[in-house]
């Protein structure tokens, strides 16, 4: 691949590596059957000295049937270690509590991995294609 064509007719090859591979910034996971896109590499959280993907927390929080949508972000500077904060949109009419979700996290995660905070929202900020804008949540703190 040579790059992406820009609206002005120029070619943006800033994401093409020297050997011709495309660096789209997406992390993929391969199993016996297929390769699937997992997450953007920039969407990692530096936590407890490790770089981890928010999917670990999202998967646990989605186990609660009252959860409609989840976004997980790292709050703070990556070099200093980040605190994990989850933003949750409950299903309409549900009586979901922060304590209920924290108890779930305590049962399913190691003690050090329980989120620092869980905030409820009516909706999450999204791009025009419907992707959650995690960077907006980080900036809001």
Protein backbone atom coordinates (compact mmCIF):
# COMPACT_ATOMS: atom_id res chain seq x y z
CA UNK A 1 0.00 0.00 0.00
CA UNK A 2 1.27 3.44 -0.85
CA UNK A 3 -0.96 5.44 1.48
CA UNK A 4 -4.33 7.17 1.65
CA UNK A 5 -5.49 9.69 -0.90
CA UNK A 6 -6.36 13.02 0.67
CA UNK A 7 -9.22 15.28 -0.50
CA UNK A 8 -6.69 17.67 -2.08
CA UNK A 9 -5.27 14.85 -4.22
CA UNK A 10 -2.09 14.38 -2.19
CA UNK A 11 -0.96 11.05 -0.79
CA UNK A 12 -0.64 10.56 2.98
CA UNK A 13 1.90 7.81 3.55
CA UNK A 14 2.60 8.64 7.21
CA UNK A 15 1.15 5.30 8.32
CA UNK A 16 3.06 3.18 5.80
CA UNK A 17 6.16 1.57 7.28
CA UNK A 18 9.50 1.42 5.47
CA UNK A 19 8.90 -2.19 4.46
CA UNK A 20 5.54 -1.34 2.87
CA UNK A 21 3.26 -2.56 5.67
CA UNK A 22 0.36 -0.39 6.79
CA UNK A 23 0.37 0.71 10.45
CA UNK A 24 -3.29 1.42 11.17
CA UNK A 25 -2.72 1.50 14.94
CA UNK A 26 -5.05 -1.45 15.54
CA UNK A 27 -4.16 -4.38 17.73
CA UNK A 28 -5.30 -7.74 16.38
CA UNK A 29 -5.83 -11.04 18.13
CA UNK A 30 -5.31 -14.37 16.36
CA UNK A 31 -6.83 -17.65 17.44
CA UNK A 32 -7.02 -21.01 15.65
CA UNK A 33 -9.83 -19.83 13.38
CA UNK A 34 -9.34 -16.17 12.54
CA UNK A 35 -7.69 -12.84 13.11
CA UNK A 36 -9.89 -10.14 14.59
CA UNK A 37 -9.29 -6.48 15.34
CA UNK A 38 -9.29 -5.98 19.08
CA UNK A 39 -8.55 -2.38 19.92
CA UNK A 40 -6.57 0.63 18.85
CA UNK A 41 -3.03 0.45 20.20
CA UNK A 42 -3.34 4.00 21.51
CA UNK A 43 -6.34 2.96 23.63
CA UNK A 44 -4.23 1.09 26.17
CA UNK A 45 -4.06 1.82 29.89
CA UNK A 46 -0.76 1.75 31.78
CA UNK A 47 -1.83 0.10 35.00
CA UNK A 48 0.19 -1.54 37.75
CA UNK A 49 3.33 -1.36 35.62
CA UNK A 50 1.65 -3.17 32.73
CA UNK A 51 0.06 -1.98 29.52
CA UNK A 52 -3.44 -3.43 29.34
CA UNK A 53 -6.45 -3.09 27.07
CA UNK A 54 -9.77 -1.73 28.37
CA UNK A 55 -11.49 -4.89 27.09
CA UNK A 56 -10.56 -6.69 30.32
CA UNK A 57 -12.79 -4.37 32.36
CA UNK A 58 -15.48 -4.02 29.69
CA UNK A 59 -15.96 -7.78 29.47
CA UNK A 60 -16.49 -8.05 33.23
CA UNK A 61 -18.89 -5.09 33.41
CA UNK A 62 -20.94 -6.40 30.47
CA UNK A 63 -21.61 -9.57 32.49
CA UNK A 64 -24.23 -7.55 34.35
CA UNK A 65 -27.42 -7.64 32.23
CA UNK A 66 -28.37 -4.14 33.46
CA UNK A 67 -25.36 -2.65 31.61
CA UNK A 68 -26.14 -1.33 28.14
CA UNK A 69 -22.83 0.31 27.28
CA UNK A 70 -19.36 0.68 28.82
CA UNK A 71 -16.23 2.70 28.16
CA UNK A 72 -13.09 2.30 30.26
CA UNK A 73 -10.26 4.83 30.35
CA UNK A 74 -7.02 5.46 32.18
CA UNK A 75 -6.97 8.67 34.22
CA UNK A 76 -3.60 10.27 34.86
CA UNK A 77 -0.21 10.16 33.17
CA UNK A 78 0.81 6.87 31.57
CA UNK A 79 4.37 7.15 32.89
CA UNK A 80 3.15 7.46 36.48
CA UNK A 81 0.55 4.71 36.24
CA UNK A 82 -3.07 5.40 35.54
CA UNK A 83 -6.24 4.93 37.56
CA UNK A 84 -8.97 2.94 35.82
CA UNK A 85 -12.32 4.67 35.45
CA UNK A 86 -15.40 3.07 33.89
CA UNK A 87 -18.26 5.00 32.32
CA UNK A 88 -21.47 2.98 32.26
CA UNK A 89 -24.79 3.53 30.51
CA UNK A 90 -27.42 1.44 32.33
CA UNK A 91 -30.30 -0.17 30.47
CA UNK A 92 -33.48 1.89 30.55
CA UNK A 93 -35.55 1.24 33.65
CA UNK A 94 -32.83 -0.69 35.46
CA UNK A 95 -31.77 -0.03 39.05
CA UNK A 96 -28.03 -0.40 38.61
CA UNK A 97 -25.73 0.83 41.38
CA UNK A 98 -22.03 1.55 41.57
CA UNK A 99 -21.73 -0.84 44.51
CA UNK A 100 -23.28 -3.64 42.44
CA UNK A 101 -20.72 -3.18 39.66
CA UNK A 102 -17.79 -2.83 42.06
CA UNK A 103 -18.86 -6.07 43.78
CA UNK A 104 -18.88 -7.79 40.38
CA UNK A 105 -15.39 -6.45 39.66
CA UNK A 106 -14.14 -7.63 43.05
CA UNK A 107 -15.42 -11.15 42.32
CA UNK A 108 -14.00 -11.34 38.79
CA UNK A 109 -10.80 -9.28 38.92
CA UNK A 110 -7.68 -9.25 41.03
CA UNK A 111 -7.94 -6.72 43.89
CA UNK A 112 -5.48 -4.33 42.22
CA UNK A 113 -7.59 -4.31 39.02
CA UNK A 114 -10.89 -3.15 40.52
CA UNK A 115 -11.74 0.23 38.90
CA UNK A 116 -10.93 3.35 40.89
CA UNK A 117 -14.29 4.86 39.92
CA UNK A 118 -17.46 4.05 38.01
CA UNK A 119 -19.54 6.90 36.63
CA UNK A 120 -23.04 6.51 35.22
CA UNK A 121 -24.04 8.36 32.07
CA UNK A 122 -27.20 8.62 30.00
CA UNK A 123 -25.02 8.28 26.91
CA UNK A 124 -21.36 8.15 25.90
CA UNK A 125 -19.75 10.64 23.52
CA UNK A 126 -19.50 9.14 20.04
CA UNK A 127 -18.08 9.91 16.63
CA UNK A 128 -20.32 10.34 13.60
CA UNK A 129 -19.90 6.60 12.89
CA UNK A 130 -20.95 5.63 16.42
CA UNK A 131 -17.55 4.84 17.94
CA UNK A 132 -17.12 5.84 21.60
CA UNK A 133 -14.78 8.82 21.92
CA UNK A 134 -12.65 7.68 24.85
CA UNK A 135 -10.36 10.70 24.53
CA UNK A 136 -13.32 12.98 25.33
CA UNK A 137 -13.98 11.00 28.52
CA UNK A 138 -10.30 11.26 29.51
CA UNK A 139 -10.34 15.02 28.95
CA UNK A 140 -13.48 15.44 31.07
CA UNK A 141 -12.00 13.57 34.08
